[in-house]
Amino acid sequence: TLRLEAAMRLYGNDIDETTSVLEAGLEWIISWEKPSFVGREVLESQKNTGTKRQLAGFEMIDPGIARHGYEISQNGLQIGVVTSGTKTPYLNKAIGMAYIPTEQAKVGTVLEINIRGRLAKAKVVSLPFYKRNK
């Protein structure tokens, strides 16, 4: 849960072989100064044109805890799936992350998450959920 508050991605949940570094919001790990690396052309194309989806953070508005695999919808259409979600001990609220279309990933966008057959509202928030003061 603490890694989720810090928005650290978990391999197998939040990132995998189908996810690009840019979709996951991890551009800071790319060394663009390197002349060549595997996947550079694809990443350059995504950087120039934008990604179709991105990892977004959300916090629940309605009661409930979004868990891995729960469907996310907007206006009755499924737009994504929760990758990680829990109720955090430090922030004391239900939060999560999911890949959703880039146009729906703007802070403040309201989403609906299917929690065991009940649609619960959540809103997109910026990542990380918690950042300690230095």
N, C-alpha and C. Protein backbone atom coordinates (compact mmCIF):
# COMPACT_ATOMS: atom_id res chain seq x y z
N THR A 1 0.82 -1.20 0.00
CA THR A 1 0.00 0.00 0.00
C THR A 1 0.86 1.26 0.00
N LEU A 2 2.00 1.21 0.66
CA LEU A 2 2.86 2.39 0.68
C LEU A 2 3.44 2.68 -0.70
N ARG A 3 3.75 1.64 -1.47
CA ARG A 3 4.26 1.86 -2.82
C ARG A 3 3.19 2.50 -3.69
N LEU A 4 1.92 2.18 -3.44
CA LEU A 4 0.84 2.78 -4.21
C LEU A 4 0.68 4.26 -3.86
N GLU A 5 0.81 4.62 -2.59
CA GLU A 5 0.74 6.03 -2.21
C GLU A 5 1.82 6.83 -2.93
N ALA A 6 2.98 6.22 -3.13
CA ALA A 6 4.09 6.88 -3.83
C ALA A 6 3.98 6.70 -5.35
N ALA A 7 2.93 6.01 -5.82
CA ALA A 7 2.69 5.74 -7.24
C ALA A 7 3.81 4.94 -7.88
N MET A 8 4.44 4.05 -7.11
CA MET A 8 5.45 3.17 -7.67
C MET A 8 4.74 2.05 -8.42
N ARG A 9 5.16 1.82 -9.65
CA ARG A 9 4.52 0.82 -10.49
C ARG A 9 4.98 -0.58 -10.10
N LEU A 10 4.04 -1.52 -10.07
CA LEU A 10 4.32 -2.91 -9.75
C LEU A 10 4.31 -3.71 -11.04
N TYR A 11 5.42 -4.38 -11.34
CA TYR A 11 5.49 -5.17 -12.56
C TYR A 11 4.48 -6.31 -12.47
N GLY A 12 3.72 -6.47 -13.54
CA GLY A 12 2.68 -7.49 -13.58
C GLY A 12 1.31 -6.90 -13.31
N ASN A 13 1.25 -5.80 -12.58
CA ASN A 13 -0.01 -5.09 -12.33
C ASN A 13 -0.05 -3.79 -13.14
N ASP A 14 0.88 -2.91 -12.85
CA ASP A 14 0.87 -1.56 -13.42
C ASP A 14 1.73 -1.43 -14.68
N ILE A 15 2.69 -2.30 -14.84
CA ILE A 15 3.53 -2.31 -16.04
C ILE A 15 3.80 -3.75 -16.44
N ASP A 16 3.92 -3.97 -17.73
CA ASP A 16 4.29 -5.29 -18.25
C ASP A 16 4.81 -5.11 -19.66
N GLU A 17 4.98 -6.22 -20.38
CA GLU A 17 5.56 -6.14 -21.72
C GLU A 17 4.66 -5.45 -22.74
N THR A 18 3.39 -5.20 -22.40
CA THR A 18 2.48 -4.51 -23.32
C THR A 18 2.40 -3.01 -23.04
N THR A 19 3.13 -2.55 -22.05
CA THR A 19 3.06 -1.16 -21.60
C THR A 19 4.32 -0.41 -22.02
N SER A 20 4.15 0.77 -22.57
CA SER A 20 5.34 1.58 -22.88
C SER A 20 5.68 2.44 -21.66
N VAL A 21 6.93 2.83 -21.63
CA VAL A 21 7.41 3.66 -20.54
C VAL A 21 6.66 4.99 -20.50
N LEU A 22 6.30 5.51 -21.66
CA LEU A 22 5.58 6.78 -21.72
C LEU A 22 4.14 6.63 -21.24
N GLU A 23 3.47 5.52 -21.58
CA GLU A 23 2.12 5.27 -21.08
C GLU A 23 2.12 5.18 -19.56
N ALA A 24 3.18 4.60 -19.01
CA ALA A 24 3.28 4.41 -17.56
C ALA A 24 3.72 5.67 -16.83
N GLY A 25 4.01 6.75 -17.57
CA GLY A 25 4.45 7.99 -16.92
C GLY A 25 5.86 7.92 -16.37
N LEU A 26 6.69 7.11 -17.01
CA LEU A 26 8.06 6.92 -16.53
C LEU A 26 9.12 7.43 -17.50
N GLU A 27 8.81 8.51 -18.20
CA GLU A 27 9.76 9.05 -19.18
C GLU A 27 11.10 9.40 -18.54
N TRP A 28 11.09 9.72 -17.28
CA TRP A 28 12.33 10.11 -16.61
C TRP A 28 13.40 9.02 -16.63
N ILE A 29 13.01 7.77 -16.88
CA ILE A 29 14.02 6.70 -16.89
C ILE A 29 14.64 6.51 -18.28
N ILE A 30 14.13 7.23 -19.29
CA ILE A 30 14.67 7.11 -20.65
C ILE A 30 15.86 8.04 -20.80
N SER A 31 16.93 7.51 -21.33
CA SER A 31 18.11 8.31 -21.62
C SER A 31 18.06 8.71 -23.09
N TRP A 32 17.38 9.83 -23.37
CA TRP A 32 17.22 10.28 -24.75
C TRP A 32 18.57 10.65 -25.37
N GLU A 33 19.58 10.91 -24.54
CA GLU A 33 20.91 11.26 -25.06
C GLU A 33 21.58 10.07 -25.71
N LYS A 34 21.18 8.85 -25.36
CA LYS A 34 21.75 7.65 -25.95
C LYS A 34 21.40 7.61 -27.43
N PRO A 35 22.37 7.34 -28.28
CA PRO A 35 22.09 7.37 -29.72
C PRO A 35 21.14 6.25 -30.17
N SER A 36 21.19 5.11 -29.51
CA SER A 36 20.36 3.99 -29.94
C SER A 36 20.04 3.08 -28.77
N PHE A 37 18.80 2.60 -28.73
CA PHE A 37 18.40 1.58 -27.77
C PHE A 37 17.15 0.89 -28.29
N VAL A 38 16.88 -0.30 -27.80
CA VAL A 38 15.73 -1.08 -28.27
C VAL A 38 14.44 -0.32 -27.98
N GLY A 39 13.63 -0.14 -29.02
CA GLY A 39 12.34 0.53 -28.86
C GLY A 39 12.37 2.04 -29.01
N ARG A 40 13.52 2.59 -29.31
CA ARG A 40 13.64 4.05 -29.40
C ARG A 40 12.67 4.65 -30.42
N GLU A 41 12.54 4.03 -31.59
CA GLU A 41 11.68 4.58 -32.64
C GLU A 41 10.22 4.66 -32.17
N VAL A 42 9.76 3.61 -31.51
CA VAL A 42 8.38 3.58 -31.02
C VAL A 42 8.18 4.66 -29.96
N LEU A 43 9.13 4.77 -29.04
CA LEU A 43 9.02 5.77 -27.98
C LEU A 43 9.08 7.19 -28.54
N GLU A 44 9.93 7.43 -29.53
CA GLU A 44 9.99 8.75 -30.15
C GLU A 44 8.66 9.08 -30.82
N SER A 45 8.08 8.10 -31.49
CA SER A 45 6.79 8.31 -32.14
C SER A 45 5.71 8.64 -31.10
N GLN A 46 5.68 7.89 -29.98
CA GLN A 46 4.71 8.16 -28.93
C GLN A 46 4.94 9.53 -28.31
N LYS A 47 6.19 9.90 -28.15
CA LYS A 47 6.49 11.21 -27.57
C LYS A 47 6.00 12.33 -28.48
N ASN A 48 6.15 12.16 -29.79
CA ASN A 48 5.76 13.18 -30.75
C ASN A 48 4.25 13.26 -30.96
N THR A 49 3.59 12.11 -31.01
CA THR A 49 2.16 12.09 -31.31
C THR A 49 1.28 11.90 -30.08
N GLY A 50 1.88 11.50 -28.97
CA GLY A 50 1.12 11.23 -27.76
C GLY A 50 0.69 9.77 -27.70
N THR A 51 0.35 9.32 -26.52
CA THR A 51 -0.09 7.94 -26.35
C THR A 51 -1.62 7.89 -26.37
N LYS A 52 -2.16 6.75 -26.72
CA LYS A 52 -3.61 6.58 -26.75
C LYS A 52 -4.17 6.38 -25.34
N ARG A 53 -3.34 5.86 -24.46
CA ARG A 53 -3.76 5.63 -23.08
C ARG A 53 -2.62 6.03 -22.16
N GLN A 54 -2.97 6.24 -20.89
CA GLN A 54 -1.92 6.54 -19.92
C GLN A 54 -2.36 6.07 -18.54
N LEU A 55 -1.36 5.87 -17.71
CA LEU A 55 -1.64 5.47 -16.34
C LEU A 55 -2.10 6.70 -15.57
N ALA A 56 -3.28 6.59 -14.99
CA ALA A 56 -3.85 7.71 -14.23
C ALA A 56 -4.10 7.27 -12.80
N GLY A 57 -3.93 8.20 -11.90
CA GLY A 57 -4.28 7.95 -10.51
C GLY A 57 -5.70 8.40 -10.26
N PHE A 58 -6.38 7.74 -9.34
CA PHE A 58 -7.73 8.16 -8.98
C PHE A 58 -7.95 7.96 -7.49
N GLU A 59 -8.88 8.74 -6.95
CA GLU A 59 -9.33 8.51 -5.58
C GLU A 59 -10.84 8.37 -5.60
N MET A 60 -11.32 7.53 -4.73
CA MET A 60 -12.75 7.24 -4.69
C MET A 60 -13.52 8.43 -4.13
N ILE A 61 -14.65 8.72 -4.77
CA ILE A 61 -15.59 9.72 -4.26
C ILE A 61 -16.64 8.99 -3.43
N ASP A 62 -17.19 7.92 -4.01
CA ASP A 62 -18.18 7.09 -3.31
C ASP A 62 -17.46 6.07 -2.44
N PRO A 63 -18.16 5.52 -1.45
CA PRO A 63 -17.55 4.47 -0.63
C PRO A 63 -17.18 3.26 -1.48
N GLY A 64 -16.10 2.62 -1.12
CA GLY A 64 -15.66 1.41 -1.81
C GLY A 64 -14.18 1.45 -2.09
N ILE A 65 -13.63 0.28 -2.32
CA ILE A 65 -12.21 0.15 -2.62
C ILE A 65 -12.08 -0.52 -3.98
N ALA A 66 -11.46 0.15 -4.92
CA ALA A 66 -11.23 -0.40 -6.25
C ALA A 66 -10.04 -1.35 -6.17
N ARG A 67 -10.20 -2.53 -6.70
CA ARG A 67 -9.14 -3.54 -6.68
C ARG A 67 -8.68 -3.86 -8.10
N HIS A 68 -7.53 -4.49 -8.19
CA HIS A 68 -6.96 -4.92 -9.46
C HIS A 68 -8.00 -5.70 -10.27
N GLY A 69 -8.19 -5.29 -11.53
CA GLY A 69 -9.09 -5.99 -12.43
C GLY A 69 -10.49 -5.42 -12.50
N TYR A 70 -10.85 -4.50 -11.61
CA TYR A 70 -12.20 -3.91 -11.66
C TYR A 70 -12.32 -3.01 -12.89
N GLU A 71 -13.47 -3.08 -13.56
CA GLU A 71 -13.70 -2.28 -14.76
C GLU A 71 -13.96 -0.82 -14.44
N ILE A 72 -13.46 0.05 -15.31
CA ILE A 72 -13.69 1.48 -15.20
C ILE A 72 -14.51 1.91 -16.41
N SER A 73 -15.54 2.70 -16.17
CA SER A 73 -16.37 3.17 -17.27
C SER A 73 -16.64 4.66 -17.13
N GLN A 74 -17.12 5.21 -18.23
CA GLN A 74 -17.55 6.61 -18.26
C GLN A 74 -18.69 6.68 -19.27
N ASN A 75 -19.80 7.27 -18.85
CA ASN A 75 -20.99 7.38 -19.70
C ASN A 75 -21.44 6.01 -20.22
N GLY A 76 -21.32 4.98 -19.39
CA GLY A 76 -21.78 3.65 -19.76
C GLY A 76 -20.84 2.83 -20.62
N LEU A 77 -19.70 3.39 -21.01
CA LEU A 77 -18.73 2.67 -21.84
C LEU A 77 -17.49 2.31 -21.03
N GLN A 78 -17.07 1.04 -21.13
CA GLN A 78 -15.85 0.65 -20.43
C GLN A 78 -14.65 1.31 -21.08
N ILE A 79 -13.83 1.97 -20.27
CA ILE A 79 -12.67 2.67 -20.81
C ILE A 79 -11.35 2.16 -20.23
N GLY A 80 -11.41 1.30 -19.21
CA GLY A 80 -10.17 0.81 -18.63
C GLY A 80 -10.43 -0.19 -17.52
N VAL A 81 -9.31 -0.59 -16.89
CA VAL A 81 -9.34 -1.56 -15.82
C VAL A 81 -8.37 -1.10 -14.74
N VAL A 82 -8.75 -1.26 -13.49
CA VAL A 82 -7.89 -0.90 -12.37
C VAL A 82 -6.66 -1.81 -12.37
N THR A 83 -5.48 -1.21 -12.26
CA THR A 83 -4.25 -2.00 -12.17
C THR A 83 -3.86 -2.23 -10.72
N SER A 84 -4.02 -1.23 -9.88
CA SER A 84 -3.75 -1.34 -8.45
C SER A 84 -4.73 -0.46 -7.70
N GLY A 85 -5.19 -0.92 -6.56
CA GLY A 85 -6.09 -0.12 -5.75
C GLY A 85 -6.19 -0.63 -4.33
N THR A 86 -6.36 0.28 -3.38
CA THR A 86 -6.46 -0.08 -1.97
C THR A 86 -6.94 1.11 -1.17
N LYS A 87 -7.15 0.90 0.11
CA LYS A 87 -7.36 2.01 1.04
C LYS A 87 -6.04 2.22 1.75
N THR A 88 -5.55 3.43 1.70
CA THR A 88 -4.21 3.68 2.21
C THR A 88 -4.20 3.99 3.70
N PRO A 89 -3.21 3.47 4.41
CA PRO A 89 -3.13 3.73 5.85
C PRO A 89 -2.71 5.16 6.17
N TYR A 90 -1.82 5.73 5.36
CA TYR A 90 -1.32 7.06 5.68
C TYR A 90 -2.29 8.15 5.25
N LEU A 91 -2.77 8.07 4.01
CA LEU A 91 -3.69 9.08 3.49
C LEU A 91 -5.12 8.85 3.95
N ASN A 92 -5.42 7.63 4.38
CA ASN A 92 -6.73 7.25 4.88
C ASN A 92 -7.85 7.52 3.87
N LYS A 93 -7.59 7.07 2.62
CA LYS A 93 -8.62 7.14 1.58
C LYS A 93 -8.37 6.04 0.58
N ALA A 94 -9.40 5.72 -0.20
CA ALA A 94 -9.28 4.70 -1.23
C ALA A 94 -8.72 5.33 -2.50
N ILE A 95 -7.63 4.74 -3.00
CA ILE A 95 -6.96 5.25 -4.19
C ILE A 95 -6.66 4.10 -5.14
N GLY A 96 -6.26 4.44 -6.35
CA GLY A 96 -5.85 3.41 -7.29
C GLY A 96 -5.25 4.01 -8.54
N MET A 97 -4.80 3.12 -9.41
CA MET A 97 -4.25 3.51 -10.71
C MET A 97 -4.87 2.64 -11.78
N ALA A 98 -4.98 3.18 -12.98
CA ALA A 98 -5.55 2.45 -14.11
C ALA A 98 -5.09 3.07 -15.41
N TYR A 99 -5.04 2.26 -16.46
CA TYR A 99 -4.79 2.77 -17.80
C TYR A 99 -6.13 3.15 -18.40
N ILE A 100 -6.23 4.41 -18.78
CA ILE A 100 -7.45 4.91 -19.41
C ILE A 100 -7.04 5.77 -20.61
N PRO A 101 -7.98 6.02 -21.54
CA PRO A 101 -7.64 6.87 -22.68
C PRO A 101 -7.10 8.23 -22.22
N THR A 102 -6.11 8.72 -22.92
CA THR A 102 -5.44 9.96 -22.55
C THR A 102 -6.41 11.11 -22.36
N GLU A 103 -7.43 11.21 -23.21
CA GLU A 103 -8.37 12.32 -23.08
C GLU A 103 -9.21 12.24 -21.80
N GLN A 104 -9.36 11.06 -21.21
CA GLN A 104 -10.10 10.93 -19.96
C GLN A 104 -9.18 10.99 -18.73
N ALA A 105 -7.89 11.10 -18.94
CA ALA A 105 -6.93 11.05 -17.84
C ALA A 105 -6.62 12.42 -17.25
N LYS A 106 -7.40 13.42 -17.57
CA LYS A 106 -7.16 14.77 -17.03
C LYS A 106 -7.63 14.84 -15.58
N VAL A 107 -6.85 15.52 -14.75
CA VAL A 107 -7.18 15.67 -13.33
C VAL A 107 -8.58 16.26 -13.18
N GLY A 108 -9.37 15.63 -12.32
CA GLY A 108 -10.73 16.09 -12.07
C GLY A 108 -11.79 15.32 -12.82
N THR A 109 -11.41 14.55 -13.84
CA THR A 109 -12.36 13.74 -14.59
C THR A 109 -13.02 12.71 -13.67
N VAL A 110 -14.34 12.60 -13.76
CA VAL A 110 -15.07 11.63 -12.93
C VAL A 110 -15.24 10.33 -13.71
N LEU A 111 -14.92 9.24 -13.04
CA LEU A 111 -15.02 7.90 -13.61
C LEU A 111 -15.98 7.08 -12.76
N GLU A 112 -16.41 5.95 -13.29
CA GLU A 112 -17.21 5.00 -12.51
C GLU A 112 -16.48 3.67 -12.49
N ILE A 113 -16.37 3.10 -11.30
CA ILE A 113 -15.68 1.83 -11.14
C ILE A 113 -16.69 0.79 -10.66
N ASN A 114 -16.70 -0.34 -11.34
CA ASN A 114 -17.61 -1.42 -11.00
C ASN A 114 -17.03 -2.21 -9.84
N ILE A 115 -17.56 -1.94 -8.65
CA ILE A 115 -17.10 -2.63 -7.44
C ILE A 115 -18.15 -3.68 -7.08
N ARG A 116 -17.85 -4.92 -7.47
CA ARG A 116 -18.75 -6.06 -7.19
C ARG A 116 -20.19 -5.77 -7.62
N GLY A 117 -20.36 -5.27 -8.84
CA GLY A 117 -21.68 -5.04 -9.40
C GLY A 117 -22.31 -3.69 -9.09
N ARG A 118 -21.61 -2.84 -8.34
CA ARG A 118 -22.11 -1.51 -8.00
C ARG A 118 -21.17 -0.47 -8.59
N LEU A 119 -21.73 0.51 -9.31
CA LEU A 119 -20.90 1.57 -9.87
C LEU A 119 -20.62 2.62 -8.81
N ALA A 120 -19.34 2.86 -8.56
CA ALA A 120 -18.91 3.85 -7.57
C ALA A 120 -18.09 4.92 -8.28
N LYS A 121 -18.33 6.16 -7.94
CA LYS A 121 -17.62 7.28 -8.58
C LYS A 121 -16.23 7.46 -7.99
N ALA A 122 -15.32 7.85 -8.89
CA ALA A 122 -13.95 8.18 -8.52
C ALA A 122 -13.54 9.36 -9.38
N LYS A 123 -12.51 10.08 -8.95
CA LYS A 123 -12.02 11.19 -9.76
C LYS A 123 -10.53 11.04 -10.00
N VAL A 124 -10.11 11.46 -11.18
CA VAL A 124 -8.70 11.40 -11.55
C VAL A 124 -7.94 12.46 -10.75
N VAL A 125 -6.81 12.05 -10.18
CA VAL A 125 -5.95 12.95 -9.41
C VAL A 125 -4.53 12.81 -9.94
N SER A 126 -3.69 13.76 -9.60
CA SER A 126 -2.31 13.71 -10.06
C SER A 126 -1.51 12.69 -9.23
N LEU A 127 -0.46 12.18 -9.87
CA LEU A 127 0.44 11.23 -9.22
C LEU A 127 1.74 11.93 -8.87
N PRO A 128 2.42 11.57 -7.81
CA PRO A 128 2.04 10.55 -6.85
C PRO A 128 0.96 11.04 -5.90
N PHE A 129 0.32 10.10 -5.24
CA PHE A 129 -0.72 10.46 -4.28
C PHE A 129 -0.10 11.16 -3.06
N TYR A 130 1.08 10.70 -2.70
CA TYR A 130 1.79 11.28 -1.55
C TYR A 130 3.25 11.50 -1.95
N LYS A 131 3.75 12.66 -1.58
CA LYS A 131 5.15 12.97 -1.83
C LYS A 131 5.70 13.61 -0.57
N ARG A 132 6.71 13.02 0.01
CA ARG A 132 7.24 13.57 1.26
C ARG A 132 8.00 14.86 1.02
N ASN A 133 8.00 15.70 2.02
CA ASN A 133 8.75 16.95 1.95
C ASN A 133 10.23 16.65 2.10
N LYS A 134 11.04 17.36 1.35
CA LYS A 134 12.50 17.13 1.44
C LYS A 134 13.14 18.10 2.37
